[in-house]
Amino acid sequence: MIKRIRLQPLVSLKNEFVLGYEALYRKEVWADFPSATAIVEAIFQNYDFDSHLYVNMAPNDATDPNFARDFLKTLDRMKISRKNIVLEVSESTNPEFIKLIKRNLGFLRSRGVKIALDDFGTEYSTLSFLQELPVDIVKIDRKFVQMSPFSKKARSIMKFTVQVSHDLGCKVVAEGIETTASLDCVADAGADIGQGFIFSAVEQKPSPFVSFYELLSGPIKTPLKACYCAGL
């Protein structure tokens, strides 16, 4: 059984609804990250999840020619709605396998699974990945979000990212929001969704999934003003 899973809320910056949760897994090295299939199985075996679930793909997932079909078989076997799953592919994924990655992601997307480009802005291949891969959601890396109150360049990069992503028909998630100053900056940049500790502070009310978290690895909290909402 996978331990130390946390589900962190993703919150609409327009109406403060909780739009979904990302499965976070503490890991010592990137190569030890479990397959997205294993994470999904661990969560849905313990909870009847009815919201968007964001799951990071392990490095081997993106380049495994059998991953897409096997992942879909797991969803069907467990009666999990494909429209509720968002698979995150990182920019650090080996670009040498871009054709295989593109084929895998395209196959999944054509069958209802949403695709998110994670850690946007951390690699030199940023715009190339955005152009090449079939993506529904772009996640701005936390370093730009956290620098934004102090850096005009960081704010400009965020606004540019939002504009390009929206032009391509993608939603934008700002990761790592921890302060109201950062929250103001990402909202001003036009990001659609926020994610970070500001939305999951321990002093605020329990998540609707608190019993599940206690079962796995302890409780997690969601924002005081956020409302549960199944739609994206």
Protein backbone atom coordinates (compact mmCIF):
# COMPACT_ATOMS: atom_id res chain seq x y z
CA MET A 1 0.00 0.00 0.00
CA ILE A 2 1.29 3.47 -0.87
CA LYS A 3 1.72 5.63 2.22
CA ARG A 4 2.14 9.35 2.83
CA ILE A 5 -0.32 10.42 0.14
CA ARG A 6 -1.85 13.89 0.56
CA LEU A 7 -4.59 15.42 -1.54
CA GLN A 8 -4.06 19.16 -1.91
CA PRO A 9 -7.04 21.26 -3.08
CA LEU A 10 -7.03 23.24 -6.31
CA VAL A 11 -9.24 26.30 -5.96
CA SER A 12 -10.95 28.51 -8.53
CA LEU A 13 -9.54 32.03 -8.38
CA LYS A 14 -12.87 33.36 -9.61
CA ASN A 15 -15.33 31.90 -7.13
CA GLU A 16 -13.19 30.05 -4.54
CA PHE A 17 -14.76 26.67 -5.32
CA VAL A 18 -12.60 23.59 -4.81
CA LEU A 19 -12.27 22.18 -8.33
CA GLY A 20 -10.17 19.11 -7.57
CA TYR A 21 -7.28 17.68 -5.58
CA GLU A 22 -3.71 16.76 -6.44
CA ALA A 23 -2.27 13.54 -5.03
CA LEU A 24 1.04 14.52 -3.44
CA TYR A 25 3.56 11.88 -2.49
CA ARG A 26 6.67 12.50 -0.43
CA LYS A 27 9.66 10.91 -2.15
CA GLU A 28 13.40 10.81 -1.58
CA VAL A 29 14.38 10.65 -5.24
CA TRP A 30 12.35 11.28 -8.38
CA ALA A 31 12.97 7.77 -9.75
CA ASP A 32 11.19 6.29 -6.71
CA PHE A 33 7.94 8.03 -7.51
CA PRO A 34 5.21 5.36 -7.91
CA SER A 35 3.30 4.90 -11.13
CA ALA A 36 0.21 7.03 -11.62
CA THR A 37 -1.69 3.76 -11.88
CA ALA A 38 -0.60 2.70 -8.38
CA ILE A 39 -1.55 6.08 -6.90
CA VAL A 40 -5.01 6.01 -8.47
CA GLU A 41 -5.58 2.47 -7.22
CA ALA A 42 -4.50 3.39 -3.68
CA ILE A 43 -6.88 6.35 -3.54
CA PHE A 44 -9.95 4.77 -5.09
CA GLN A 45 -9.61 1.58 -3.07
CA ASN A 46 -10.11 3.67 0.06
CA TYR A 47 -12.46 6.44 -0.99
CA ASP A 48 -15.35 7.01 -3.40
CA PHE A 49 -13.71 10.04 -4.98
CA ASP A 50 -16.07 12.28 -6.97
CA SER A 51 -13.92 15.20 -8.04
CA HIS A 52 -11.05 15.93 -10.38
CA LEU A 53 -7.95 14.07 -9.24
CA TYR A 54 -4.56 15.37 -10.42
CA VAL A 55 -1.90 12.64 -10.49
CA ASN A 56 1.77 13.01 -11.38
CA MET A 57 3.08 10.61 -13.97
CA ALA A 58 6.28 8.83 -13.00
CA PRO A 59 9.16 9.24 -15.48
CA ASN A 60 8.65 5.68 -16.69
CA ASP A 61 4.91 6.23 -17.21
CA ALA A 62 5.38 8.84 -19.91
CA THR A 63 7.78 6.66 -21.91
CA ASP A 64 6.18 3.24 -21.32
CA PRO A 65 4.45 2.16 -24.58
CA ASN A 66 1.95 0.11 -22.54
CA PHE A 67 1.15 2.73 -19.92
CA ALA A 68 -1.80 4.43 -21.64
CA ARG A 69 -3.78 1.25 -22.33
CA ASP A 70 -2.97 -0.25 -18.94
CA PHE A 71 -3.98 2.96 -17.17
CA LEU A 72 -7.31 3.10 -18.98
CA LYS A 73 -7.96 -0.57 -18.16
CA THR A 74 -7.39 0.24 -14.48
CA LEU A 75 -9.85 3.13 -14.62
CA ASP A 76 -12.47 0.95 -16.29
CA ARG A 77 -11.92 -1.97 -13.91
CA MET A 78 -12.36 0.29 -10.89
CA LYS A 79 -15.28 2.14 -12.52
CA ILE A 80 -13.45 5.47 -12.33
CA SER A 81 -14.74 8.23 -14.59
CA ARG A 82 -12.03 9.21 -17.06
CA LYS A 83 -13.25 12.81 -17.11
CA ASN A 84 -12.30 13.14 -13.42
CA ILE A 85 -8.63 12.24 -13.97
CA VAL A 86 -5.90 14.76 -14.79
CA LEU A 87 -2.46 13.29 -15.50
CA GLU A 88 0.48 15.63 -14.94
CA VAL A 89 3.59 15.31 -17.08
CA SER A 90 6.67 17.20 -15.93
CA GLU A 91 8.93 19.33 -18.08
CA SER A 92 11.80 17.30 -16.67
CA THR A 93 10.58 14.29 -18.65
CA ASN A 94 13.25 13.20 -21.13
CA PRO A 95 12.62 15.13 -24.39
CA GLU A 96 14.40 12.39 -26.36
CA PHE A 97 11.18 10.38 -26.07
CA ILE A 98 8.91 13.21 -27.18
CA LYS A 99 7.25 11.18 -29.96
CA LEU A 100 6.38 8.33 -27.61
CA ILE A 101 5.24 10.72 -24.88
CA LYS A 102 3.08 12.60 -27.37
CA ARG A 103 1.52 9.36 -28.59
CA ASN A 104 0.80 8.16 -25.04
CA LEU A 105 -0.73 11.44 -23.95
CA GLY A 106 -2.69 11.86 -27.16
CA PHE A 107 -4.20 8.39 -26.76
CA LEU A 108 -5.23 9.14 -23.16
CA ARG A 109 -6.61 12.57 -24.01
CA SER A 110 -8.65 11.22 -26.91
CA ARG A 111 -10.34 8.88 -24.44
CA GLY A 112 -11.34 11.49 -21.91
CA VAL A 113 -8.33 11.86 -19.58
CA LYS A 114 -7.12 15.46 -19.15
CA ILE A 115 -3.41 16.27 -19.45
CA ALA A 116 -1.55 18.92 -17.44
CA LEU A 117 1.96 20.23 -18.11
CA ASP A 118 3.55 20.50 -14.67
CA ASP A 119 6.36 22.79 -13.43
CA PHE A 120 5.98 25.10 -16.42
CA GLY A 121 8.97 27.40 -16.73
CA THR A 122 11.61 25.22 -15.08
CA GLU A 123 13.25 23.77 -18.19
CA TYR A 124 14.68 25.19 -21.41
CA SER A 125 12.22 23.06 -23.38
CA THR A 126 9.22 24.90 -21.91
CA LEU A 127 7.65 26.35 -25.05
CA SER A 128 8.66 23.33 -27.11
CA PHE A 129 6.78 21.01 -24.74
CA LEU A 130 3.74 23.27 -24.79
CA GLN A 131 3.76 23.23 -28.57
CA GLU A 132 4.42 19.50 -28.99
CA LEU A 133 2.26 17.89 -26.31
CA PRO A 134 -1.54 17.56 -26.20
CA VAL A 135 -2.21 19.64 -23.08
CA ASP A 136 -5.40 20.85 -21.37
CA ILE A 137 -3.87 22.54 -18.33
CA VAL A 138 -0.62 24.44 -17.71
CA LYS A 139 0.74 24.61 -14.16
CA ILE A 140 3.04 27.58 -13.51
CA ASP A 141 5.96 26.54 -11.33
CA ARG A 142 5.96 27.75 -7.75
CA LYS A 143 9.23 29.67 -8.10
CA PHE A 144 7.54 32.30 -10.31
CA VAL A 145 4.52 32.46 -8.03
CA GLN A 146 6.58 32.95 -4.89
CA MET A 147 8.88 35.51 -6.53
CA SER A 148 6.02 37.47 -8.09
CA PRO A 149 5.44 39.96 -5.22
CA PHE A 150 9.10 41.00 -5.41
CA SER A 151 9.98 40.57 -9.09
CA LYS A 152 8.54 42.40 -12.07
CA LYS A 153 10.17 39.79 -14.32
CA ALA A 154 8.38 36.95 -12.53
CA ARG A 155 5.04 38.76 -12.87
CA SER A 156 5.69 39.38 -16.57
CA ILE A 157 6.55 35.73 -17.15
CA MET A 158 3.35 34.65 -15.40
CA LYS A 159 1.23 37.01 -17.49
CA PHE A 160 2.94 35.79 -20.66
CA THR A 161 2.35 32.16 -19.66
CA VAL A 162 -1.32 32.79 -18.95
CA GLN A 163 -1.83 34.62 -22.24
CA VAL A 164 -0.12 31.92 -24.34
CA SER A 165 -1.91 29.12 -22.49
CA HIS A 166 -5.31 30.74 -22.92
CA ASP A 167 -4.60 31.35 -26.61
CA LEU A 168 -3.96 27.59 -26.89
CA GLY A 169 -7.20 26.78 -25.09
CA CYS A 170 -5.55 25.68 -21.82
CA LYS A 171 -6.53 26.42 -18.23
CA VAL A 172 -3.76 27.78 -15.99
CA VAL A 173 -2.95 26.63 -12.46
CA ALA A 174 -0.62 28.70 -10.26
CA GLU A 175 1.27 26.41 -7.87
CA GLY A 176 2.85 27.17 -4.51
CA ILE A 177 0.64 30.07 -3.39
CA GLU A 178 1.52 30.72 0.24
CA THR A 179 0.79 34.41 0.82
CA THR A 180 -1.97 36.88 0.00
CA ALA A 181 0.59 38.92 -1.96
CA SER A 182 1.31 35.95 -4.24
CA LEU A 183 -2.41 35.25 -4.52
CA ASP A 184 -3.03 38.83 -5.67
CA CYS A 185 -0.26 38.51 -8.26
CA VAL A 186 -1.50 35.28 -9.83
CA ALA A 187 -5.07 36.60 -9.88
CA ASP A 188 -3.85 39.78 -11.58
CA ALA A 189 -1.96 37.65 -14.13
CA GLY A 190 -5.25 35.96 -15.04
CA ALA A 191 -4.57 32.44 -13.75
CA ASP A 192 -7.69 30.30 -13.47
CA ILE A 193 -6.85 28.05 -10.53
CA GLY A 194 -4.70 28.36 -7.41
CA GLN A 195 -2.89 25.71 -5.40
CA GLY A 196 -0.74 25.96 -2.29
CA PHE A 197 -0.59 26.19 1.48
CA ILE A 198 -2.72 29.33 1.54
CA PHE A 199 -5.62 27.06 0.58
CA SER A 200 -4.76 24.24 2.99
CA ALA A 201 -3.76 25.85 6.28
CA VAL A 202 -4.14 23.60 9.31
CA GLU A 203 -6.28 26.05 11.26
CA GLN A 204 -9.09 25.97 8.73
CA LYS A 205 -12.02 23.62 8.36
CA PRO A 206 -11.56 19.94 7.46
CA SER A 207 -11.59 18.68 3.90
CA PRO A 208 -14.60 16.56 2.87
CA PHE A 209 -11.97 13.83 2.51
CA VAL A 210 -10.56 14.16 6.02
CA SER A 211 -11.52 10.62 7.08
CA PHE A 212 -9.65 9.24 4.06
CA TYR A 213 -6.55 11.22 4.93
CA GLU A 214 -6.65 10.06 8.51
CA LEU A 215 -6.83 6.51 7.21
CA LEU A 216 -3.75 6.97 5.01
CA SER A 217 -1.49 9.40 6.73
CA GLY A 218 -3.20 12.06 8.78
CA PRO A 219 -5.67 14.89 8.15
CA ILE A 220 -5.41 17.70 5.67
CA LYS A 221 -7.39 20.94 5.68
CA THR A 222 -9.03 23.03 2.96
CA PRO A 223 -9.73 26.76 2.69
CA LEU A 224 -12.28 28.43 4.92
CA LYS A 225 -14.10 30.09 2.02
CA ALA A 226 -13.81 27.23 -0.46
CA CYS A 227 -16.85 25.17 -1.38
CA TYR A 228 -16.77 21.63 -2.74
CA CYS A 229 -17.52 21.55 -6.45
CA ALA A 230 -17.19 18.55 -8.78
CA GLY A 231 -16.84 20.59 -11.98
CA LEU A 232 -13.71 22.09 -13.51
